[in-house]
């Protein structure tokens, strides 16, 4: 079965995507980097579904996308100094910050023991995924490709990659998303280190 492809600029399509996410379904969404597979992290069955669909190892934690500063606080509380400085400079944008979780945000996102205490959080610069976050809440979103395969940059690529995968409910077509994946930086207090170089070169991030 091929997942339904919906036009992202259609308000009805966005409403349908919101309803699917609230029901625990997986929806592929455009972002400012590449297409992603999104689920509501508060629903354990949805998280399990996206891990299975992507064939993602449980040891690799899912990151969280947010649509506002208030949603950052929901998952990470008040950011410490290094993270706060990077967020002020690069958000909204293609930078994921791995930071301590806020007490009470206990969604199981994978990642083993360390995944219980930290969370990768990003505020993307894309109106569609930000609108979904504002409607549903922070979303767990991972690149829309089977694990180990190149990220998808179009809705058709996403649909083709998951033909026959009934657990992908829909793809929101937002055109070409041809950016590199986000740069991932771990922040602890005043210190930071690059875990993955992506859209923003680490040399630029490190200059603060």
C-alpha atoms as a PDB file:
ATOM      1  CA  UNK A   1       0.000   0.000   0.000  1.00  0.00           C
ATOM      2  CA  UNK A   2       1.284   3.463  -0.947  1.00  0.00           C
ATOM      3  CA  UNK A   3       0.801   6.154   1.748  1.00  0.00           C
ATOM      4  CA  UNK A   4      -1.523   9.043   0.899  1.00  0.00           C
ATOM      5  CA  UNK A   5       0.301  12.129  -0.394  1.00  0.00           C
ATOM      6  CA  UNK A   6      -1.346  15.379   0.771  1.00  0.00           C
ATOM      7  CA  UNK A   7      -0.580  18.923  -0.373  1.00  0.00           C
ATOM      8  CA  UNK A   8       0.957  20.738   2.599  1.00  0.00           C
ATOM      9  CA  UNK A   9      -0.526  24.103   1.579  1.00  0.00           C
ATOM     10  CA  UNK A  10      -4.058  22.687   1.818  1.00  0.00           C
ATOM     11  CA  UNK A  11      -5.590  23.578   5.218  1.00  0.00           C
ATOM     12  CA  UNK A  12      -7.657  20.404   5.068  1.00  0.00           C
ATOM     13  CA  UNK A  13      -4.507  18.340   4.630  1.00  0.00           C
ATOM     14  CA  UNK A  14      -2.940  19.939   7.703  1.00  0.00           C
ATOM     15  CA  UNK A  15      -6.080  19.221   9.708  1.00  0.00           C
ATOM     16  CA  UNK A  16      -5.953  15.601   8.586  1.00  0.00           C
ATOM     17  CA  UNK A  17      -2.272  15.345   9.537  1.00  0.00           C
ATOM     18  CA  UNK A  18      -3.016  16.766  12.986  1.00  0.00           C
ATOM     19  CA  UNK A  19      -5.801  14.214  13.479  1.00  0.00           C
ATOM     20  CA  UNK A  20      -3.547  11.346  12.373  1.00  0.00           C
ATOM     21  CA  UNK A  21      -0.755  12.415  14.724  1.00  0.00           C
ATOM     22  CA  UNK A  22      -3.173  12.680  17.646  1.00  0.00           C
ATOM     23  CA  UNK A  23      -4.357   9.149  16.817  1.00  0.00           C
ATOM     24  CA  UNK A  24      -0.813   7.796  17.089  1.00  0.00           C
ATOM     25  CA  UNK A  25      -0.100   7.526  13.369  1.00  0.00           C
ATOM     26  CA  UNK A  26       3.157   8.264  11.549  1.00  0.00           C
ATOM     27  CA  UNK A  27       3.065  11.236   9.171  1.00  0.00           C
ATOM     28  CA  UNK A  28       5.939  12.261   6.883  1.00  0.00           C
ATOM     29  CA  UNK A  29       6.483  16.026   6.974  1.00  0.00           C
ATOM     30  CA  UNK A  30       8.640  18.598   5.172  1.00  0.00           C
ATOM     31  CA  UNK A  31      11.237  20.454   7.224  1.00  0.00           C
ATOM     32  CA  UNK A  32      13.937  23.053   6.586  1.00  0.00           C
ATOM     33  CA  UNK A  33      16.458  20.224   6.106  1.00  0.00           C
ATOM     34  CA  UNK A  34      14.968  16.960   4.760  1.00  0.00           C
ATOM     35  CA  UNK A  35      11.646  15.142   5.051  1.00  0.00           C
ATOM     36  CA  UNK A  36      10.953  13.593   8.430  1.00  0.00           C
ATOM     37  CA  UNK A  37       8.755  10.900   9.985  1.00  0.00           C
ATOM     38  CA  UNK A  38       6.737  12.527  12.757  1.00  0.00           C
ATOM     39  CA  UNK A  39       4.839  11.088  15.718  1.00  0.00           C
ATOM     40  CA  UNK A  40       3.442  12.323  19.006  1.00  0.00           C
ATOM     41  CA  UNK A  41       6.086  11.283  21.576  1.00  0.00           C
ATOM     42  CA  UNK A  42       3.488  11.098  24.348  1.00  0.00           C
ATOM     43  CA  UNK A  43       1.995   8.002  22.691  1.00  0.00           C
ATOM     44  CA  UNK A  44       4.261   4.957  23.244  1.00  0.00           C
ATOM     45  CA  UNK A  45       2.620   2.995  20.441  1.00  0.00           C
ATOM     46  CA  UNK A  46       3.380   5.824  18.007  1.00  0.00           C
ATOM     47  CA  UNK A  47       7.049   5.871  19.029  1.00  0.00           C
ATOM     48  CA  UNK A  48       7.247   2.095  18.613  1.00  0.00           C
ATOM     49  CA  UNK A  49       5.614   2.434  15.195  1.00  0.00           C
ATOM     50  CA  UNK A  50       8.172   4.935  13.889  1.00  0.00           C
ATOM     51  CA  UNK A  51      11.115   2.863  15.182  1.00  0.00           C
ATOM     52  CA  UNK A  52       9.732  -0.199  13.386  1.00  0.00           C
ATOM     53  CA  UNK A  53       8.922   1.694  10.188  1.00  0.00           C
ATOM     54  CA  UNK A  54      12.399   3.208   9.936  1.00  0.00           C
ATOM     55  CA  UNK A  55      14.122   0.056  11.235  1.00  0.00           C
ATOM     56  CA  UNK A  56      15.949   2.375  13.596  1.00  0.00           C
ATOM     57  CA  UNK A  57      18.037   0.763  16.357  1.00  0.00           C
ATOM     58  CA  UNK A  58      16.551   1.368  19.793  1.00  0.00           C
ATOM     59  CA  UNK A  59      19.926   2.671  20.949  1.00  0.00           C
ATOM     60  CA  UNK A  60      19.576   5.700  18.622  1.00  0.00           C
ATOM     61  CA  UNK A  61      17.236   8.152  20.345  1.00  0.00           C
ATOM     62  CA  UNK A  62      14.597  10.116  18.468  1.00  0.00           C
ATOM     63  CA  UNK A  63      14.978  13.912  18.495  1.00  0.00           C
ATOM     64  CA  UNK A  64      12.156  16.328  19.264  1.00  0.00           C
ATOM     65  CA  UNK A  65      10.996  19.221  17.083  1.00  0.00           C
ATOM     66  CA  UNK A  66       9.220  22.199  18.640  1.00  0.00           C
ATOM     67  CA  UNK A  67       7.315  25.188  17.323  1.00  0.00           C
ATOM     68  CA  UNK A  68       7.900  27.783  20.041  1.00  0.00           C
ATOM     69  CA  UNK A  69      10.086  28.807  22.971  1.00  0.00           C
ATOM     70  CA  UNK A  70       7.366  27.550  25.310  1.00  0.00           C
ATOM     71  CA  UNK A  71       7.657  24.085  23.773  1.00  0.00           C
ATOM     72  CA  UNK A  72      11.421  24.123  24.294  1.00  0.00           C
ATOM     73  CA  UNK A  73      10.722  24.542  28.007  1.00  0.00           C
ATOM     74  CA  UNK A  74       8.249  21.645  27.958  1.00  0.00           C
ATOM     75  CA  UNK A  75      10.978  19.175  26.965  1.00  0.00           C
ATOM     76  CA  UNK A  76      14.189  20.828  28.190  1.00  0.00           C
ATOM     77  CA  UNK A  77      13.244  23.439  30.769  1.00  0.00           C
ATOM     78  CA  UNK A  78      15.434  26.553  30.904  1.00  0.00           C
ATOM     79  CA  UNK A  79      18.451  26.001  28.666  1.00  0.00           C
ATOM     80  CA  UNK A  80      21.895  26.200  30.243  1.00  0.00           C
ATOM     81  CA  UNK A  81      24.430  28.784  29.078  1.00  0.00           C
ATOM     82  CA  UNK A  82      26.015  27.051  26.050  1.00  0.00           C
ATOM     83  CA  UNK A  83      22.694  25.779  24.714  1.00  0.00           C
ATOM     84  CA  UNK A  84      21.007  29.122  25.300  1.00  0.00           C
ATOM     85  CA  UNK A  85      23.663  30.971  23.326  1.00  0.00           C
ATOM     86  CA  UNK A  86      23.441  28.569  20.388  1.00  0.00           C
ATOM     87  CA  UNK A  87      19.647  28.592  20.417  1.00  0.00           C
ATOM     88  CA  UNK A  88      19.565  32.395  20.408  1.00  0.00           C
ATOM     89  CA  UNK A  89      21.826  32.461  17.365  1.00  0.00           C
ATOM     90  CA  UNK A  90      20.581  29.527  15.274  1.00  0.00           C
ATOM     91  CA  UNK A  91      16.913  28.892  16.093  1.00  0.00           C
ATOM     92  CA  UNK A  92      14.660  28.579  14.230  1.00  0.00           C
ATOM     93  CA  UNK A  93      17.063  26.637  12.052  1.00  0.00           C
ATOM     94  CA  UNK A  94      18.997  23.445  11.310  1.00  0.00           C
ATOM     95  CA  UNK A  95      20.669  22.937  14.702  1.00  0.00           C
ATOM     96  CA  UNK A  96      19.750  20.126  17.113  1.00  0.00           C
ATOM     97  CA  UNK A  97      20.835  20.612  20.718  1.00  0.00           C
ATOM     98  CA  UNK A  98      21.265  17.574  22.969  1.00  0.00           C
ATOM     99  CA  UNK A  99      20.518  18.864  26.461  1.00  0.00           C
ATOM    100  CA  UNK A 100      19.266  17.589  29.833  1.00  0.00           C
ATOM    101  CA  UNK A 101      15.561  16.743  29.856  1.00  0.00           C
ATOM    102  CA  UNK A 102      13.106  18.673  31.936  1.00  0.00           C
ATOM    103  CA  UNK A 103      11.890  16.708  34.935  1.00  0.00           C
ATOM    104  CA  UNK A 104       8.509  15.277  34.009  1.00  0.00           C
ATOM    105  CA  UNK A 105       9.183  14.922  30.296  1.00  0.00           C
ATOM    106  CA  UNK A 106       9.501  11.155  30.410  1.00  0.00           C
ATOM    107  CA  UNK A 107       8.621  10.057  26.860  1.00  0.00           C
ATOM    108  CA  UNK A 108      10.579   6.949  25.870  1.00  0.00           C
ATOM    109  CA  UNK A 109      12.516   8.095  22.797  1.00  0.00           C
ATOM    110  CA  UNK A 110      15.056   5.268  22.791  1.00  0.00           C
ATOM    111  CA  UNK A 111      18.748   5.890  23.301  1.00  0.00           C
ATOM    112  CA  UNK A 112      19.412   3.527  26.182  1.00  0.00           C
ATOM    113  CA  UNK A 113      20.125   4.796  29.709  1.00  0.00           C
ATOM    114  CA  UNK A 114      21.416   8.207  28.597  1.00  0.00           C
ATOM    115  CA  UNK A 115      18.245   8.715  26.565  1.00  0.00           C
ATOM    116  CA  UNK A 116      16.282   8.927  29.803  1.00  0.00           C
ATOM    117  CA  UNK A 117      18.174  12.024  30.936  1.00  0.00           C
ATOM    118  CA  UNK A 118      18.883  13.914  27.725  1.00  0.00           C
ATOM    119  CA  UNK A 119      16.884  14.979  24.678  1.00  0.00           C
ATOM    120  CA  UNK A 120      17.803  16.253  21.231  1.00  0.00           C
ATOM    121  CA  UNK A 121      15.628  19.301  20.550  1.00  0.00           C
ATOM    122  CA  UNK A 122      15.315  21.537  17.483  1.00  0.00           C
ATOM    123  CA  UNK A 123      13.135  24.466  16.474  1.00  0.00           C
ATOM    124  CA  UNK A 124      12.886  24.138  12.667  1.00  0.00           C
ATOM    125  CA  UNK A 125      12.552  27.042  10.255  1.00  0.00           C
ATOM    126  CA  UNK A 126       9.656  25.589   8.250  1.00  0.00           C
ATOM    127  CA  UNK A 127       6.028  26.735   8.522  1.00  0.00           C
ATOM    128  CA  UNK A 128       4.414  23.319   8.024  1.00  0.00           C
ATOM    129  CA  UNK A 129       6.193  21.342  10.727  1.00  0.00           C
ATOM    130  CA  UNK A 130       6.055  24.314  13.104  1.00  0.00           C
ATOM    131  CA  UNK A 131       2.289  24.560  12.579  1.00  0.00           C
ATOM    132  CA  UNK A 132       1.942  20.854  13.354  1.00  0.00           C
ATOM    133  CA  UNK A 133       3.985  21.245  16.538  1.00  0.00           C
ATOM    134  CA  UNK A 134       1.828  24.157  17.654  1.00  0.00           C
ATOM    135  CA  UNK A 135      -1.338  22.142  16.994  1.00  0.00           C
ATOM    136  CA  UNK A 136      -0.251  18.787  18.445  1.00  0.00           C
ATOM    137  CA  UNK A 137       2.652  19.600  20.757  1.00  0.00           C
ATOM    138  CA  UNK A 138       6.366  18.786  20.450  1.00  0.00           C
ATOM    139  CA  UNK A 139       6.880  16.015  17.889  1.00  0.00           C
ATOM    140  CA  UNK A 140       9.402  13.202  17.670  1.00  0.00           C
ATOM    141  CA  UNK A 141      10.751  13.488  14.120  1.00  0.00           C
ATOM    142  CA  UNK A 142      13.462  11.467  12.386  1.00  0.00           C
ATOM    143  CA  UNK A 143      14.564  11.620   8.756  1.00  0.00           C
ATOM    144  CA  UNK A 144      12.105   9.925   6.382  1.00  0.00           C
ATOM    145  CA  UNK A 145      14.207   7.045   5.123  1.00  0.00           C
ATOM    146  CA  UNK A 146      14.958   3.485   6.195  1.00  0.00           C
ATOM    147  CA  UNK A 147      17.860   3.499   8.672  1.00  0.00           C
ATOM    148  CA  UNK A 148      21.199   3.783   6.894  1.00  0.00           C
ATOM    149  CA  UNK A 149      19.688   5.033   3.619  1.00  0.00           C
ATOM    150  CA  UNK A 150      20.057   8.595   2.242  1.00  0.00           C
ATOM    151  CA  UNK A 151      17.439  11.085   3.504  1.00  0.00           C
ATOM    152  CA  UNK A 152      14.457  11.767   1.246  1.00  0.00           C
ATOM    153  CA  UNK A 153      14.164  15.246  -0.272  1.00  0.00           C
ATOM    154  CA  UNK A 154      10.741  14.968  -1.965  1.00  0.00           C
ATOM    155  CA  UNK A 155       7.350  13.572  -1.005  1.00  0.00           C
ATOM    156  CA  UNK A 156       7.516  11.070  -3.874  1.00  0.00           C
ATOM    157  CA  UNK A 157      10.839   9.744  -2.567  1.00  0.00           C
ATOM    158  CA  UNK A 158       9.296   9.277   0.866  1.00  0.00           C
ATOM    159  CA  UNK A 159       6.244   7.484  -0.513  1.00  0.00           C
ATOM    160  CA  UNK A 160       8.444   5.262  -2.679  1.00  0.00           C
ATOM    161  CA  UNK A 161      10.751   4.375   0.210  1.00  0.00           C
ATOM    162  CA  UNK A 162       7.833   3.090   2.275  1.00  0.00           C
ATOM    163  CA  UNK A 163       5.594   1.449  -0.319  1.00  0.00           C
ATOM    164  CA  UNK A 164       3.869  -1.453   1.398  1.00  0.00           C
ATOM    165  CA  UNK A 165       4.658  -0.072   4.852  1.00  0.00           C
ATOM    166  CA  UNK A 166       1.145   0.317   6.181  1.00  0.00           C
ATOM    167  CA  UNK A 167       2.295   2.169   9.292  1.00  0.00           C
ATOM    168  CA  UNK A 168       3.068   5.356   7.326  1.00  0.00           C
ATOM    169  CA  UNK A 169      -0.352   7.001   7.263  1.00  0.00           C
ATOM    170  CA  UNK A 170       0.364  10.013   5.038  1.00  0.00           C
ATOM    171  CA  UNK A 171       3.012  12.226   3.451  1.00  0.00           C
ATOM    172  CA  UNK A 172       2.629  16.013   3.491  1.00  0.00           C
ATOM    173  CA  UNK A 173       4.059  17.295   0.203  1.00  0.00           C
ATOM    174  CA  UNK A 174       5.881  20.563   0.850  1.00  0.00           C
ATOM    175  CA  UNK A 175       8.017  20.541  -2.282  1.00  0.00           C
ATOM    176  CA  UNK A 176      11.745  19.847  -2.367  1.00  0.00           C
ATOM    177  CA  UNK A 177      13.539  19.759   0.992  1.00  0.00           C
ATOM    178  CA  UNK A 178      17.106  19.562  -0.218  1.00  0.00           C
ATOM    179  CA  UNK A 179      19.038  20.711   2.818  1.00  0.00           C
ATOM    180  CA  UNK A 180      21.592  18.631   4.669  1.00  0.00           C
ATOM    181  CA  UNK A 181      20.448  17.092   7.965  1.00  0.00           C
ATOM    182  CA  UNK A 182      20.783  19.307  11.019  1.00  0.00           C
ATOM    183  CA  UNK A 183      24.030  19.758  12.873  1.00  0.00           C
ATOM    184  CA  UNK A 184      23.837  18.042  16.284  1.00  0.00           C
ATOM    185  CA  UNK A 185      25.601  19.578  19.285  1.00  0.00           C
ATOM    186  CA  UNK A 186      25.650  18.288  22.864  1.00  0.00           C
ATOM    187  CA  UNK A 187      25.562  21.022  25.502  1.00  0.00           C
ATOM    188  CA  UNK A 188      26.356  20.700  29.193  1.00  0.00           C
ATOM    189  CA  UNK A 189      26.508  23.920  31.179  1.00  0.00           C
ATOM    190  CA  UNK A 190      29.071  26.194  29.475  1.00  0.00           C
ATOM    191  CA  UNK A 191      30.533  23.397  27.326  1.00  0.00           C
ATOM    192  CA  UNK A 192      29.484  22.076  23.927  1.00  0.00           C
ATOM    193  CA  UNK A 193      30.737  19.453  21.482  1.00  0.00           C
ATOM    194  CA  UNK A 194      29.730  18.438  17.981  1.00  0.00           C
ATOM    195  CA  UNK A 195      28.079  15.023  17.647  1.00  0.00           C
ATOM    196  CA  UNK A 196      27.250  15.363  13.933  1.00  0.00           C
ATOM    197  CA  UNK A 197      28.196  18.042  11.454  1.00  0.00           C
ATOM    198  CA  UNK A 198      25.351  18.881   9.101  1.00  0.00           C
ATOM    199  CA  UNK A 199      23.765  21.948   7.557  1.00  0.00           C
ATOM    200  CA  UNK A 200      25.732  24.360   9.781  1.00  0.00           C
ATOM    201  CA  UNK A 201      29.518  23.745   9.765  1.00  0.00           C
ATOM    202  CA  UNK A 202      30.877  23.082  13.243  1.00  0.00           C
ATOM    203  CA  UNK A 203      33.465  25.814  12.679  1.00  0.00           C
ATOM    204  CA  UNK A 204      30.599  28.318  12.501  1.00  0.00           C
ATOM    205  CA  UNK A 205      28.722  26.847  15.465  1.00  0.00           C
ATOM    206  CA  UNK A 206      31.854  26.757  17.581  1.00  0.00           C
ATOM    207  CA  UNK A 207      32.485  30.445  17.094  1.00  0.00           C
ATOM    208  CA  UNK A 208      29.404  31.060  19.218  1.00  0.00           C
END
